[in-house]
Amino acid sequence: MTPVRFVTPPIAANAYLLKEEGVLVDVGGDAAFLLKAIEKYTSVKELKYAFLTHSHYDHAKAADILQRAGIKLVMHLKEYEFALRNVSPLYVPVNPDIAVEGGEVFEFDEIVLEVIHTPGHTPGSICLYEPERRWLFSGDTVFAYGGFGRVDFPGGDARSLIESLKKLSELKVRKLYPGHEDVAEDGEHVKKAYEIAKSILH
């Protein structure tokens, strides 16, 4: 099994399809684009869950249409609560079917996804870790080549992001699936991001 990456409008956010499990990680900002892309691989009716790493519009704007199609949305409780009281247009007020807090484990036929709460870019950002394959779906918390999420948007917090990167740097990562840009081949990208963040974020 290899996740299928969709680079979604409007600003090239990655969404990932785990076809055999009926799972999406992030959904992008353009539902029509995503639905058309999914249909090249599987029927939308076969999808069961969509995990949202956070609720910024470029990752979550398509969520309501998928939810209406019967797909269960999974998102952190703090993300839901923050979006409800925050007036920033960056956030989509998603009402998740399953609200997580970190530490939950979702077992599917071939994979396991562990929920890791990684605040910093947003209050309720999460990453998903597959321990056997050592996959990390990192949203906008960490990117390839030592990149990491911005903390100057509403809800961002530099100290929290550093702590989240520290937590992720301790994982054994074989494949990094970030919310933007390239998929990366090992966990050194995460460790590099942690070291850079420590040196420049205050």
Protein backbone atom coordinates (compact mmCIF):
# COMPACT_ATOMS: atom_id res chain seq x y z
CA MET A 1 0.00 0.00 0.00
CA THR A 2 1.23 3.45 -0.94
CA PRO A 3 -0.70 6.62 -0.07
CA VAL A 4 -1.91 8.55 -3.11
CA ARG A 5 -1.08 12.25 -2.88
CA PHE A 6 -3.42 14.87 -4.30
CA VAL A 7 -2.10 18.44 -4.54
CA THR A 8 -5.28 20.40 -3.98
CA PRO A 9 -6.41 23.95 -4.80
CA PRO A 10 -6.37 26.75 -3.85
CA ILE A 11 -2.80 26.82 -2.51
CA ALA A 12 -1.37 23.36 -3.19
CA ALA A 13 -2.14 21.58 0.06
CA ASN A 14 -1.55 17.84 0.09
CA ALA A 15 -4.36 15.38 0.72
CA TYR A 16 -3.61 11.67 0.96
CA LEU A 17 -5.79 8.72 0.00
CA LEU A 18 -5.33 5.32 1.63
CA LYS A 19 -7.49 3.56 -0.91
CA GLU A 20 -7.50 0.08 0.59
CA GLU A 21 -8.68 1.42 3.95
CA GLY A 22 -11.16 3.99 2.71
CA VAL A 23 -9.28 6.77 4.49
CA LEU A 24 -8.31 10.33 3.62
CA VAL A 25 -5.79 12.47 5.45
CA ASP A 26 -6.81 16.10 4.88
CA VAL A 27 -9.25 17.08 2.17
CA GLY A 28 -8.01 20.34 0.65
CA GLY A 29 -9.99 23.43 -0.18
CA ASP A 30 -11.78 22.42 -3.38
CA ALA A 31 -14.33 19.64 -3.01
CA ALA A 32 -15.04 19.32 -6.74
CA PHE A 33 -11.34 18.85 -7.49
CA LEU A 34 -10.90 16.28 -4.70
CA LEU A 35 -13.96 14.22 -5.60
CA LYS A 36 -12.89 14.04 -9.23
CA ALA A 37 -9.36 13.02 -8.20
CA ILE A 38 -10.63 10.31 -5.83
CA GLU A 39 -12.84 8.77 -8.50
CA LYS A 40 -9.74 7.88 -10.53
CA TYR A 41 -8.78 5.43 -7.76
CA THR A 42 -11.94 4.43 -5.92
CA SER A 43 -15.57 5.34 -5.40
CA VAL A 44 -16.28 8.08 -2.91
CA LYS A 45 -18.86 5.69 -1.47
CA GLU A 46 -16.00 3.43 -0.37
CA LEU A 47 -14.48 6.12 1.84
CA LYS A 48 -15.13 5.84 5.57
CA TYR A 49 -12.95 8.39 7.39
CA ALA A 50 -11.27 11.72 6.71
CA PHE A 51 -8.69 12.81 9.27
CA LEU A 52 -8.11 16.57 9.39
CA THR A 53 -4.65 17.55 10.59
CA HIS A 54 -6.05 21.03 11.27
CA SER A 55 -8.90 23.25 10.11
CA HIS A 56 -7.22 25.89 7.97
CA TYR A 57 -9.26 26.34 4.82
CA ASP A 58 -6.63 24.98 2.44
CA HIS A 59 -6.76 21.63 4.26
CA ALA A 60 -10.37 21.46 5.40
CA LYS A 61 -12.70 23.56 3.21
CA ALA A 62 -13.96 20.45 1.37
CA ALA A 63 -14.84 18.70 4.64
CA ASP A 64 -18.55 19.58 4.78
CA ILE A 65 -19.29 18.09 1.36
CA LEU A 66 -17.45 14.89 2.23
CA GLN A 67 -19.31 14.73 5.53
CA ARG A 68 -22.61 15.04 3.68
CA ALA A 69 -21.49 12.10 1.53
CA GLY A 70 -21.31 9.96 4.68
CA ILE A 71 -17.58 10.17 5.42
CA LYS A 72 -16.80 10.51 9.13
CA LEU A 73 -14.60 13.50 9.95
CA VAL A 74 -11.94 13.10 12.63
CA MET A 75 -10.41 16.24 14.17
CA HIS A 76 -8.94 17.40 17.47
CA LEU A 77 -11.39 18.80 20.00
CA LYS A 78 -9.30 21.95 20.57
CA GLU A 79 -9.33 22.68 16.85
CA TYR A 80 -13.11 22.49 16.79
CA GLU A 81 -13.44 24.71 19.86
CA PHE A 82 -10.96 27.30 18.59
CA ALA A 83 -12.59 27.57 15.16
CA LEU A 84 -15.99 28.15 16.79
CA ARG A 85 -14.84 31.22 18.70
CA ASN A 86 -12.26 32.53 16.23
CA VAL A 87 -13.30 35.00 13.52
CA SER A 88 -10.28 34.39 11.27
CA PRO A 89 -11.23 33.31 7.74
CA LEU A 90 -8.26 30.92 7.86
CA TYR A 91 -10.30 28.47 9.95
CA VAL A 92 -13.17 26.33 8.71
CA PRO A 93 -15.72 25.62 11.49
CA VAL A 94 -15.80 21.86 10.99
CA ASN A 95 -18.08 19.86 13.29
CA PRO A 96 -16.27 16.52 13.54
CA ASP A 97 -18.03 13.19 13.86
CA ILE A 98 -15.14 12.01 16.02
CA ALA A 99 -13.31 14.53 18.23
CA VAL A 100 -9.89 13.30 19.34
CA GLU A 101 -7.50 14.60 22.00
CA GLY A 102 -4.30 12.72 21.15
CA GLY A 103 -3.31 9.14 21.96
CA GLU A 104 -6.17 7.49 20.11
CA VAL A 105 -5.35 4.53 17.88
CA PHE A 106 -7.41 3.73 14.78
CA GLU A 107 -6.95 0.17 13.56
CA PHE A 108 -7.81 -0.63 9.96
CA ASP A 109 -7.33 -3.81 7.93
CA GLU A 110 -3.72 -3.19 6.94
CA ILE A 111 -2.61 -0.13 8.88
CA VAL A 112 -2.81 1.53 12.26
CA LEU A 113 -2.98 5.30 12.70
CA GLU A 114 -1.92 6.78 16.02
CA VAL A 115 -3.15 10.31 16.74
CA ILE A 116 -0.48 12.69 18.08
CA HIS A 117 -1.56 16.13 19.29
CA THR A 118 0.98 18.61 17.89
CA PRO A 119 -0.13 22.17 18.72
CA GLY A 120 1.84 25.15 17.49
CA HIS A 121 0.70 25.88 13.95
CA THR A 122 -2.85 25.71 15.31
CA PRO A 123 -4.15 24.76 18.78
CA GLY A 124 -5.55 21.42 17.65
CA SER A 125 -3.09 20.32 15.00
CA ILE A 126 -2.56 16.57 14.88
CA CYS A 127 -0.15 14.22 13.18
CA LEU A 128 -0.85 10.60 12.34
CA TYR A 129 1.77 7.89 12.80
CA GLU A 130 1.76 4.39 11.33
CA PRO A 131 4.21 2.51 13.58
CA GLU A 132 4.93 -0.57 11.49
CA ARG A 133 5.53 1.26 8.23
CA ARG A 134 6.90 4.27 10.12
CA TRP A 135 4.81 6.73 8.16
CA LEU A 136 4.16 10.19 9.57
CA PHE A 137 1.36 12.33 8.18
CA SER A 138 2.42 15.69 9.55
CA GLY A 139 -0.01 18.30 8.23
CA ASP A 140 1.52 21.76 8.58
CA THR A 141 3.51 20.91 11.70
CA VAL A 142 6.62 19.80 9.82
CA PHE A 143 7.70 19.66 6.18
CA ALA A 144 10.55 18.15 4.20
CA TYR A 145 14.05 19.65 4.40
CA GLY A 146 13.61 21.03 7.91
CA GLY A 147 10.55 23.19 7.24
CA PHE A 148 7.83 23.72 9.82
CA GLY A 149 4.50 25.47 10.16
CA ARG A 150 4.01 29.18 10.69
CA VAL A 151 3.13 30.39 14.15
CA ASP A 152 2.10 33.96 13.30
CA PHE A 153 -1.46 33.07 12.32
CA PRO A 154 -4.29 33.22 14.89
CA GLY A 155 -3.90 30.28 17.26
CA GLY A 156 -0.21 29.81 16.51
CA ASP A 157 2.27 29.38 19.34
CA ALA A 158 6.04 29.10 18.94
CA ARG A 159 6.76 27.35 22.23
CA SER A 160 4.09 24.74 21.55
CA LEU A 161 5.44 24.11 18.06
CA ILE A 162 8.95 23.52 19.40
CA GLU A 163 7.59 21.00 21.89
CA SER A 164 5.58 19.28 19.17
CA LEU A 165 8.63 19.03 16.91
CA LYS A 166 10.63 17.59 19.79
CA LYS A 167 7.98 14.92 20.29
CA LEU A 168 7.95 14.05 16.58
CA SER A 169 11.76 13.99 16.37
CA GLU A 170 11.76 11.06 18.78
CA LEU A 171 9.72 8.88 16.41
CA LYS A 172 11.27 6.48 13.95
CA VAL A 173 10.12 7.85 10.58
CA ARG A 174 10.69 6.17 7.26
CA LYS A 175 8.30 8.32 5.20
CA LEU A 176 7.15 11.85 5.94
CA TYR A 177 3.86 12.88 4.34
CA PRO A 178 3.54 16.64 4.95
CA GLY A 179 0.69 19.04 4.31
CA HIS A 180 2.58 20.88 1.55
CA GLU A 181 5.43 20.19 -0.84
CA ASP A 182 7.40 16.96 -1.20
CA VAL A 183 7.07 13.60 0.49
CA ALA A 184 10.36 12.88 2.29
CA GLU A 185 12.21 9.62 2.74
CA ASP A 186 13.34 9.63 6.37
CA GLY A 187 13.01 11.17 9.81
CA GLU A 188 16.09 13.36 9.55
CA HIS A 189 13.84 16.05 8.08
CA VAL A 190 11.87 16.13 11.33
CA LYS A 191 14.99 16.31 13.49
CA LYS A 192 16.33 19.11 11.33
CA ALA A 193 13.08 21.05 11.71
CA TYR A 194 13.28 20.70 15.48
CA GLU A 195 16.84 22.00 15.59
CA ILE A 196 16.03 24.96 13.32
CA ALA A 197 12.87 25.83 15.25
CA LYS A 198 14.78 25.81 18.54
CA SER A 199 17.29 28.26 17.13
CA ILE A 200 14.95 30.81 15.53
CA LEU A 201 11.59 30.65 17.32
CA HIS A 202 11.16 32.44 20.62
